Amino acid sequence: MPSPDTLTRRHVSPGPRGDARGFWPFAGLLALFYVAASAPSPLYGDYAVRWHFTDSTLTVVFAVYAVPLLISLLVFGGISDEIGRKPVALTASFLLAVSLVLFVVADGLTLLIAARALQGFATGLLTAVASAALLDLQPRHRPGLASLLGASLSTGGLAAGALLSGLLVQYAWSPARLTYVVILVALIVLALTVTVRAGETVTGTVTPRIRIRVAVPAEARTAFAAAIPSLLATWALNSFYLSLGPSLAKTLSHSTSHLPGAIPVVLLTGCACLSTITTRTWASRTCMLSGCAVLAAGSGLTVVATALTSANLFYASAVISGIGFGMAFSGTFRSLVALARPAERGALIAATYVIGYATFAVPAIIAGIVSTHFGLTHTALGYSAVVAALALIAVATTSRTLEKP
């Protein structure tokens, strides 16, 4: 079996001229997958009313996305290091297209779960390959651009997806179908653009083997272990807002409109995206420390907002939490990917997202079960308190363990 250095020379070459011909189409594709991921969030309430399911069922529908996503990351997370970036990206795009069609024709819980599960598998496949492709193809005069986009496109895409869906649900005809049709058209355009314009950076490919492709290089293990509390806090927060956040916002605002349900998701993910961009020149350790501290403050304010049943405070907590989320995840992502050699990027990115999506799924399911028995308000209070505690633990771990870059 070749050594890692041999794999680097054999498999990964610099992007064609290091220009934007393939870089930006891959960036757009990654963002669109996250647009699709958050698009169902404002619709969950309608689905629950239409098909008569409880909060626990709602969170299962939400979280089922993460299980196949984890499987695709675990088994296929590093496969693009072997067979090439473009074939994997186009396969993921095809699977997402099928899932969008299933969302359009869904007439009950079975098709909804099938669509969400297939969407998760496609997103897991695309996340690792697109992140690695951005690192391969980034313009040579913008050396930090790929890491910045890897952290910001996910949150920016989630914000755009929730906003698009919320607006269409409130104002457009047949929103449960139109939302997915719009995303499907954009997906087809971007996939064709990647096919035509993106050059392949993986050469000398080998026959792929089905195996677990998640690995943390020896030189990155200390930093990875120190980053785990930050990953837990950020992704648990993300899970809360995308699963129960819309329902909580509508409860606190006493509104029957669909827009209040989209607002906290848009605020959280939009502010996360903006904070990622504005702090892009900060040291990764500083971003992690500051981000986790701000995230803890935002989650604490969520506890207060829920206890006082104040929608305005809840929206303010989403802004603060989003700022902390963006900084913390950006710092974590940048610090980790910088430690991997090119042939190890896909597997290390997969390991990072395995931790993230496990935290994304499990708390949501638990919260849904708890909410069914104890109510949404009490569940939100407990969940937000746990996230705040995790963020404080992350501050302590990061300040104690990580070396300054």
Protein backbone atom coordinates (compact mmCIF):
# COMPACT_ATOMS: atom_id res chain seq x y z
CA MET A 1 0.00 0.00 0.00
CA PRO A 2 1.45 3.44 -0.93
CA SER A 3 2.67 5.74 1.77
CA PRO A 4 0.75 8.97 2.45
CA ASP A 5 3.43 10.98 0.66
CA THR A 6 3.12 8.76 -2.39
CA LEU A 7 -0.64 9.20 -2.33
CA THR A 8 -0.24 12.96 -2.24
CA ARG A 9 2.01 12.99 -5.31
CA ARG A 10 -0.06 10.43 -7.14
CA HIS A 11 -3.57 11.58 -6.47
CA VAL A 12 -3.88 15.30 -5.89
CA SER A 13 -2.67 17.96 -8.25
CA PRO A 14 -3.14 21.72 -8.00
CA GLY A 15 -6.29 23.10 -9.52
CA PRO A 16 -6.09 23.93 -13.23
CA ARG A 17 -4.19 27.26 -13.24
CA GLY A 18 -5.58 27.76 -9.72
CA ASP A 19 -8.41 29.84 -11.24
CA ALA A 20 -12.11 30.11 -10.49
CA ARG A 21 -13.47 28.00 -13.35
CA GLY A 22 -14.02 25.01 -11.14
CA PHE A 23 -13.68 26.60 -7.71
CA TRP A 24 -16.84 28.72 -7.75
CA PRO A 25 -19.15 26.09 -9.27
CA PHE A 26 -18.11 23.69 -6.49
CA ALA A 27 -18.69 26.46 -3.93
CA GLY A 28 -22.16 27.11 -5.34
CA LEU A 29 -22.98 23.42 -5.29
CA LEU A 30 -21.95 23.09 -1.64
CA ALA A 31 -24.07 26.11 -0.68
CA LEU A 32 -27.09 24.77 -2.57
CA PHE A 33 -26.98 21.46 -0.72
CA TYR A 34 -27.36 23.40 2.53
CA VAL A 35 -30.14 25.51 1.04
CA ALA A 36 -31.95 22.23 0.42
CA ALA A 37 -31.13 20.99 3.93
CA SER A 38 -32.93 23.83 5.71
CA ALA A 39 -35.76 24.30 3.21
CA PRO A 40 -38.09 21.80 4.96
CA SER A 41 -37.75 23.49 8.39
CA PRO A 42 -40.54 26.10 7.95
CA LEU A 43 -42.72 23.37 6.43
CA TYR A 44 -42.53 20.92 9.33
CA GLY A 45 -45.46 22.55 11.10
CA ASP A 46 -47.64 22.15 8.02
CA TYR A 47 -46.55 18.57 7.60
CA ALA A 48 -47.43 17.84 11.24
CA VAL A 49 -50.92 19.33 10.86
CA ARG A 50 -51.57 17.74 7.48
CA TRP A 51 -50.45 14.25 8.44
CA HIS A 52 -51.22 14.41 12.17
CA PHE A 53 -47.89 13.67 13.82
CA THR A 54 -46.44 14.84 17.14
CA ASP A 55 -43.29 16.77 18.07
CA SER A 56 -41.44 13.50 18.56
CA THR A 57 -42.36 12.36 15.04
CA LEU A 58 -41.39 15.78 13.68
CA THR A 59 -37.92 15.57 15.19
CA VAL A 60 -37.48 12.02 13.87
CA VAL A 61 -38.25 13.31 10.38
CA PHE A 62 -35.73 16.08 10.97
CA ALA A 63 -33.04 13.83 12.41
CA VAL A 64 -33.40 10.94 9.95
CA TYR A 65 -31.45 13.20 7.61
CA ALA A 66 -28.36 12.75 9.76
CA VAL A 67 -28.25 8.94 9.94
CA PRO A 68 -27.66 8.25 6.22
CA LEU A 69 -25.49 11.37 6.12
CA LEU A 70 -23.23 9.80 8.74
CA ILE A 71 -23.19 6.51 6.84
CA SER A 72 -22.13 8.23 3.63
CA LEU A 73 -19.42 10.13 5.48
CA LEU A 74 -18.15 7.04 7.26
CA VAL A 75 -18.09 4.79 4.20
CA PHE A 76 -17.58 7.22 1.34
CA GLY A 77 -16.15 10.33 3.01
CA GLY A 78 -12.69 9.88 1.49
CA ILE A 79 -13.62 8.11 -1.74
CA SER A 80 -13.00 11.21 -3.84
CA ASP A 81 -9.33 10.91 -2.85
CA GLU A 82 -9.34 7.67 -4.89
CA ILE A 83 -11.74 8.03 -7.83
CA GLY A 84 -11.83 11.79 -8.31
CA ARG A 85 -13.80 14.81 -7.13
CA LYS A 86 -16.17 15.24 -10.08
CA PRO A 87 -17.67 11.73 -10.25
CA VAL A 88 -18.51 11.82 -6.54
CA ALA A 89 -19.93 15.35 -6.72
CA LEU A 90 -22.15 14.49 -9.68
CA THR A 91 -23.38 11.30 -8.02
CA ALA A 92 -24.33 13.30 -4.93
CA SER A 93 -26.13 15.83 -7.13
CA PHE A 94 -28.17 13.10 -8.80
CA LEU A 95 -29.19 11.65 -5.42
CA LEU A 96 -30.22 15.09 -4.14
CA ALA A 97 -32.29 15.61 -7.30
CA VAL A 98 -34.15 12.35 -6.63
CA SER A 99 -34.79 13.40 -3.03
CA LEU A 100 -36.23 16.74 -4.18
CA VAL A 101 -38.60 14.92 -6.50
CA LEU A 102 -39.70 12.76 -3.56
CA PHE A 103 -40.40 15.91 -1.51
CA VAL A 104 -42.53 17.24 -4.36
CA VAL A 105 -44.68 14.09 -4.65
CA ALA A 106 -44.78 13.25 -0.90
CA ASP A 107 -48.31 12.51 0.28
CA GLY A 108 -47.52 11.17 3.74
CA LEU A 109 -44.91 10.35 6.32
CA THR A 110 -43.28 7.47 4.42
CA LEU A 111 -42.24 9.49 1.37
CA LEU A 112 -41.26 12.44 3.57
CA ILE A 113 -38.86 10.25 5.57
CA ALA A 114 -37.52 8.64 2.39
CA ALA A 115 -36.87 12.06 0.84
CA ARG A 116 -35.16 13.37 3.96
CA ALA A 117 -33.00 10.24 4.32
CA LEU A 118 -31.86 10.34 0.68
CA GLN A 119 -31.16 14.05 1.03
CA GLY A 120 -28.95 13.29 4.02
CA PHE A 121 -26.98 10.62 2.18
CA ALA A 122 -26.41 12.95 -0.78
CA THR A 123 -25.32 15.81 1.50
CA GLY A 124 -22.83 13.63 3.34
CA LEU A 125 -21.34 12.52 0.05
CA LEU A 126 -21.10 16.06 -1.27
CA THR A 127 -19.84 17.74 1.91
CA ALA A 128 -16.51 15.92 2.03
CA VAL A 129 -15.81 16.01 -1.70
CA ALA A 130 -16.76 19.68 -2.20
CA SER A 131 -14.73 20.82 0.80
CA ALA A 132 -11.70 18.90 -0.50
CA ALA A 133 -12.25 20.20 -4.05
CA LEU A 134 -12.33 23.79 -2.81
CA LEU A 135 -8.95 23.27 -1.14
CA ASP A 136 -7.58 21.75 -4.35
CA LEU A 137 -8.97 24.40 -6.69
CA GLN A 138 -8.70 27.60 -4.68
CA PRO A 139 -7.03 30.49 -6.53
CA ARG A 140 -3.37 30.62 -5.68
CA HIS A 141 -3.54 34.30 -4.74
CA ARG A 142 -6.32 33.57 -2.18
CA PRO A 143 -4.76 30.83 0.01
CA GLY A 144 -7.31 31.03 2.85
CA LEU A 145 -10.43 31.25 0.70
CA ALA A 146 -11.30 27.53 0.65
CA SER A 147 -11.27 27.15 4.43
CA LEU A 148 -13.34 30.31 4.81
CA LEU A 149 -15.97 29.09 2.35
CA GLY A 150 -15.96 25.60 3.83
CA ALA A 151 -17.16 27.08 7.10
CA SER A 152 -19.36 29.92 5.79
CA LEU A 153 -21.20 28.33 2.86
CA SER A 154 -22.96 25.83 5.11
CA THR A 155 -24.41 28.51 7.39
CA GLY A 156 -25.11 30.88 4.52
CA GLY A 157 -26.89 28.12 2.63
CA LEU A 158 -28.96 27.19 5.66
CA ALA A 159 -30.02 30.83 6.07
CA ALA A 160 -30.95 31.17 2.41
CA GLY A 161 -32.89 27.89 2.43
CA ALA A 162 -34.96 28.82 5.48
CA LEU A 163 -35.66 32.32 4.12
CA LEU A 164 -36.62 31.02 0.68
CA SER A 165 -38.90 28.38 2.13
CA GLY A 166 -40.45 30.74 4.67
CA LEU A 167 -41.29 33.34 2.03
CA LEU A 168 -42.70 30.80 -0.40
CA VAL A 169 -44.75 29.10 2.32
CA GLN A 170 -46.28 32.43 3.31
CA TYR A 171 -46.83 34.06 -0.06
CA ALA A 172 -46.56 31.60 -2.96
CA TRP A 173 -48.88 29.03 -4.43
CA SER A 174 -48.24 25.37 -3.55
CA PRO A 175 -45.24 26.17 -1.34
CA ALA A 176 -44.70 22.56 -0.30
CA ARG A 177 -43.86 21.80 -3.94
CA LEU A 178 -42.57 25.10 -5.33
CA THR A 179 -39.72 25.35 -2.81
CA TYR A 180 -38.23 22.06 -3.97
CA VAL A 181 -38.81 22.76 -7.66
CA VAL A 182 -36.83 26.01 -7.41
CA ILE A 183 -33.95 24.21 -5.69
CA LEU A 184 -34.06 21.38 -8.25
CA VAL A 185 -33.69 23.79 -11.17
CA ALA A 186 -30.73 25.49 -9.49
CA LEU A 187 -29.16 22.08 -8.79
CA ILE A 188 -29.36 21.03 -12.43
CA VAL A 189 -27.70 24.27 -13.55
CA LEU A 190 -24.86 23.97 -11.01
CA ALA A 191 -24.24 20.28 -11.68
CA LEU A 192 -23.95 20.99 -15.42
CA THR A 193 -21.57 23.88 -14.66
CA VAL A 194 -19.33 21.62 -12.55
CA THR A 195 -19.36 19.04 -15.35
CA VAL A 196 -18.30 21.53 -18.00
CA ARG A 197 -16.01 23.93 -16.15
CA ALA A 198 -14.37 22.11 -13.23
CA GLY A 199 -11.10 20.34 -13.87
CA GLU A 200 -10.32 17.06 -12.12
CA THR A 201 -7.61 17.41 -9.48
CA VAL A 202 -7.28 13.73 -8.53
CA THR A 203 -5.10 11.85 -10.99
CA GLY A 204 -3.71 8.34 -11.10
CA THR A 205 -6.88 7.03 -9.49
CA VAL A 206 -7.10 3.55 -8.02
CA THR A 207 -9.91 1.04 -7.73
CA PRO A 208 -11.99 2.12 -4.73
CA ARG A 209 -12.59 -0.23 -1.84
CA ILE A 210 -15.60 -0.13 0.45
CA ARG A 211 -14.19 0.70 3.86
CA ILE A 212 -14.48 3.27 6.60
CA ARG A 213 -12.87 6.41 5.20
CA VAL A 214 -12.78 8.56 8.30
CA ALA A 215 -9.38 9.23 9.80
CA VAL A 216 -7.57 11.81 11.88
CA PRO A 217 -3.87 12.09 10.99
CA ALA A 218 -1.50 11.58 13.92
CA GLU A 219 -0.32 15.19 13.79
CA ALA A 220 -3.92 16.46 14.09
CA ARG A 221 -5.20 14.21 16.89
CA THR A 222 -4.43 16.50 19.83
CA ALA A 223 -6.10 19.46 18.13
CA PHE A 224 -9.04 17.29 17.07
CA ALA A 225 -9.65 16.05 20.61
CA ALA A 226 -9.50 19.61 21.94
CA ALA A 227 -11.99 20.74 19.31
CA ILE A 228 -14.66 18.14 20.13
CA PRO A 229 -16.47 20.21 22.81
CA SER A 230 -16.68 23.10 20.35
CA LEU A 231 -18.16 20.80 17.70
CA LEU A 232 -20.68 19.44 20.21
CA ALA A 233 -21.82 22.91 21.28
CA THR A 234 -22.14 24.36 17.78
CA TRP A 235 -23.95 21.43 16.21
CA ALA A 236 -26.29 20.90 19.17
CA LEU A 237 -27.25 24.56 18.87
CA ASN A 238 -27.79 24.18 15.12
CA SER A 239 -29.97 21.13 15.72
CA PHE A 240 -32.14 22.98 18.23
CA TYR A 241 -32.88 25.92 15.96
CA LEU A 242 -33.56 23.86 12.84
CA SER A 243 -35.77 21.27 14.54
CA LEU A 244 -37.65 22.97 17.39
CA GLY A 245 -36.76 26.61 16.74
CA PRO A 246 -39.60 27.29 14.25
CA SER A 247 -42.24 25.78 16.56
CA LEU A 248 -40.86 27.64 19.59
CA ALA A 249 -40.84 30.97 17.71
CA LYS A 250 -44.48 30.55 16.70
CA THR A 251 -45.41 29.63 20.28
CA LEU A 252 -43.61 32.62 21.79
CA SER A 253 -44.98 35.06 19.20
CA HIS A 254 -48.54 33.68 19.40
CA SER A 255 -48.66 33.83 15.61
CA THR A 256 -50.26 31.59 13.01
CA SER A 257 -48.04 33.01 10.27
CA HIS A 258 -45.23 30.87 8.86
CA LEU A 259 -42.63 33.66 8.83
CA PRO A 260 -41.94 33.69 12.62
CA GLY A 261 -40.91 30.05 12.28
CA ALA A 262 -38.33 30.89 9.62
CA ILE A 263 -36.94 33.99 11.37
CA PRO A 264 -34.84 32.28 14.11
CA VAL A 265 -33.27 29.89 11.58
CA VAL A 266 -32.43 32.78 9.24
CA LEU A 267 -31.05 34.90 12.10
CA LEU A 268 -28.93 32.11 13.54
CA THR A 269 -27.43 30.87 10.29
CA GLY A 270 -27.23 34.29 8.63
CA CYS A 271 -25.35 35.81 11.58
CA ALA A 272 -23.13 32.72 11.68
CA CYS A 273 -22.23 33.26 8.04
CA LEU A 274 -21.50 36.97 8.56
CA SER A 275 -19.39 36.35 11.66
CA THR A 276 -17.41 33.70 9.80
CA ILE A 277 -16.58 36.17 7.06
CA THR A 278 -15.79 39.14 9.31
CA THR A 279 -13.45 37.13 11.54
CA ARG A 280 -11.71 35.29 8.71
CA THR A 281 -8.36 36.94 9.48
CA TRP A 282 -8.49 36.05 13.17
CA ALA A 283 -6.36 33.21 14.47
CA SER A 284 -8.33 29.98 14.56
CA ARG A 285 -7.78 29.59 18.32
CA THR A 286 -9.11 33.10 18.95
CA CYS A 287 -12.20 32.36 16.86
CA MET A 288 -12.88 29.17 18.79
CA LEU A 289 -12.46 30.77 22.21
CA SER A 290 -14.43 33.92 21.45
CA GLY A 291 -17.09 32.05 19.51
CA CYS A 292 -17.79 29.54 22.25
CA ALA A 293 -18.02 32.31 24.85
CA VAL A 294 -20.51 34.26 22.72
CA LEU A 295 -22.44 31.07 21.98
CA ALA A 296 -22.76 30.37 25.71
CA ALA A 297 -24.12 33.89 26.24
CA GLY A 298 -26.62 33.45 23.41
CA SER A 299 -27.85 30.13 24.73
CA GLY A 300 -28.21 31.64 28.19
CA LEU A 301 -30.36 34.40 26.69
CA THR A 302 -32.48 31.72 25.00
CA VAL A 303 -33.20 30.30 28.45
CA VAL A 304 -34.30 33.75 29.64
CA ALA A 305 -36.41 34.38 26.52
CA THR A 306 -38.18 31.06 26.87
CA ALA A 307 -38.83 31.55 30.58
CA LEU A 308 -40.26 35.03 29.93
CA THR A 309 -42.13 33.86 26.78
CA SER A 310 -40.58 36.75 24.84
CA ALA A 311 -40.31 36.32 21.07
CA ASN A 312 -38.14 39.44 20.73
CA LEU A 313 -35.62 38.14 23.26
CA PHE A 314 -35.64 34.80 21.48
CA TYR A 315 -34.79 36.49 18.18
CA ALA A 316 -32.03 38.46 19.96
CA SER A 317 -30.64 35.22 21.37
CA ALA A 318 -30.62 33.75 17.85
CA VAL A 319 -28.48 36.67 16.67
CA ILE A 320 -25.97 36.31 19.52
CA SER A 321 -25.90 32.52 19.26
CA GLY A 322 -25.40 32.76 15.51
CA ILE A 323 -22.41 35.06 15.88
CA GLY A 324 -20.85 32.63 18.34
CA PHE A 325 -21.74 29.62 16.19
CA GLY A 326 -20.05 31.08 13.11
CA MET A 327 -16.88 32.04 14.92
CA ALA A 328 -16.56 28.78 16.84
CA PHE A 329 -17.18 26.49 13.88
CA SER A 330 -15.01 28.53 11.54
CA GLY A 331 -12.12 28.47 14.00
CA THR A 332 -12.52 24.73 14.52
CA PHE A 333 -12.73 23.95 10.82
CA ARG A 334 -9.76 26.11 9.85
CA SER A 335 -7.55 24.77 12.61
CA LEU A 336 -8.23 21.16 11.65
CA VAL A 337 -8.06 21.21 7.84
CA ALA A 338 -4.75 23.07 7.98
CA LEU A 339 -3.20 20.01 9.66
CA ALA A 340 -4.07 17.52 6.91
CA ARG A 341 -2.05 16.71 3.81
CA PRO A 342 -3.98 16.84 0.49
CA ALA A 343 -4.60 13.07 0.25
CA GLU A 344 -5.96 13.05 3.83
CA ARG A 345 -8.34 16.00 3.50
CA GLY A 346 -11.48 14.11 2.57
CA ALA A 347 -11.13 11.64 5.44
CA LEU A 348 -10.34 14.34 8.04
CA ILE A 349 -13.24 16.54 6.91
CA ALA A 350 -15.45 13.46 7.14
CA ALA A 351 -14.31 12.84 10.72
CA THR A 352 -15.15 16.44 11.63
CA TYR A 353 -18.63 16.17 10.20
CA VAL A 354 -19.24 12.76 11.76
CA ILE A 355 -18.92 14.37 15.18
CA GLY A 356 -21.06 17.28 14.05
CA TYR A 357 -23.93 15.34 12.55
CA ALA A 358 -24.07 12.81 15.35
CA THR A 359 -24.63 15.79 17.64
CA PHE A 360 -27.08 17.20 15.10
CA ALA A 361 -29.32 14.11 15.17
CA VAL A 362 -29.34 12.57 18.64
CA PRO A 363 -30.28 15.65 20.73
CA ALA A 364 -33.12 16.49 18.34
CA ILE A 365 -34.68 13.06 18.75
CA ILE A 366 -34.31 13.20 22.52
CA ALA A 367 -35.79 16.70 22.56
CA GLY A 368 -38.75 15.57 20.49
CA ILE A 369 -39.52 12.73 22.91
CA VAL A 370 -39.12 15.01 25.92
CA SER A 371 -41.28 17.68 24.29
CA THR A 372 -44.13 15.22 23.77
CA HIS A 373 -44.19 14.44 27.50
CA PHE A 374 -43.18 17.74 29.13
CA GLY A 375 -44.02 20.38 26.53
CA LEU A 376 -42.04 22.47 24.09
CA THR A 377 -41.23 25.30 26.53
CA HIS A 378 -39.70 23.09 29.22
CA THR A 379 -37.75 21.18 26.58
CA ALA A 380 -36.35 24.39 25.13
CA LEU A 381 -35.27 25.57 28.58
CA GLY A 382 -33.34 22.37 29.28
CA TYR A 383 -31.86 22.10 25.79
CA SER A 384 -30.57 25.70 25.79
CA ALA A 385 -29.03 25.27 29.23
CA VAL A 386 -27.15 22.15 28.08
CA VAL A 387 -25.83 23.96 24.98
CA ALA A 388 -24.63 26.86 27.15
CA ALA A 389 -22.81 24.40 29.44
CA LEU A 390 -21.16 22.66 26.47
CA ALA A 391 -19.97 26.01 25.13
CA LEU A 392 -18.39 26.89 28.47
CA ILE A 393 -16.66 23.50 28.56
CA ALA A 394 -15.36 24.20 25.05
CA VAL A 395 -13.91 27.53 26.21
CA ALA A 396 -12.07 25.78 29.03
CA THR A 397 -10.80 22.95 26.82
CA THR A 398 -9.66 25.22 24.02
CA SER A 399 -7.85 27.68 26.29
CA ARG A 400 -6.11 24.85 28.12
CA THR A 401 -5.16 22.55 25.27
CA LEU A 402 -4.79 24.23 21.91
CA GLU A 403 -1.57 25.89 20.88
CA LYS A 404 -1.67 29.26 19.23
CA PRO A 405 -1.17 28.97 15.47
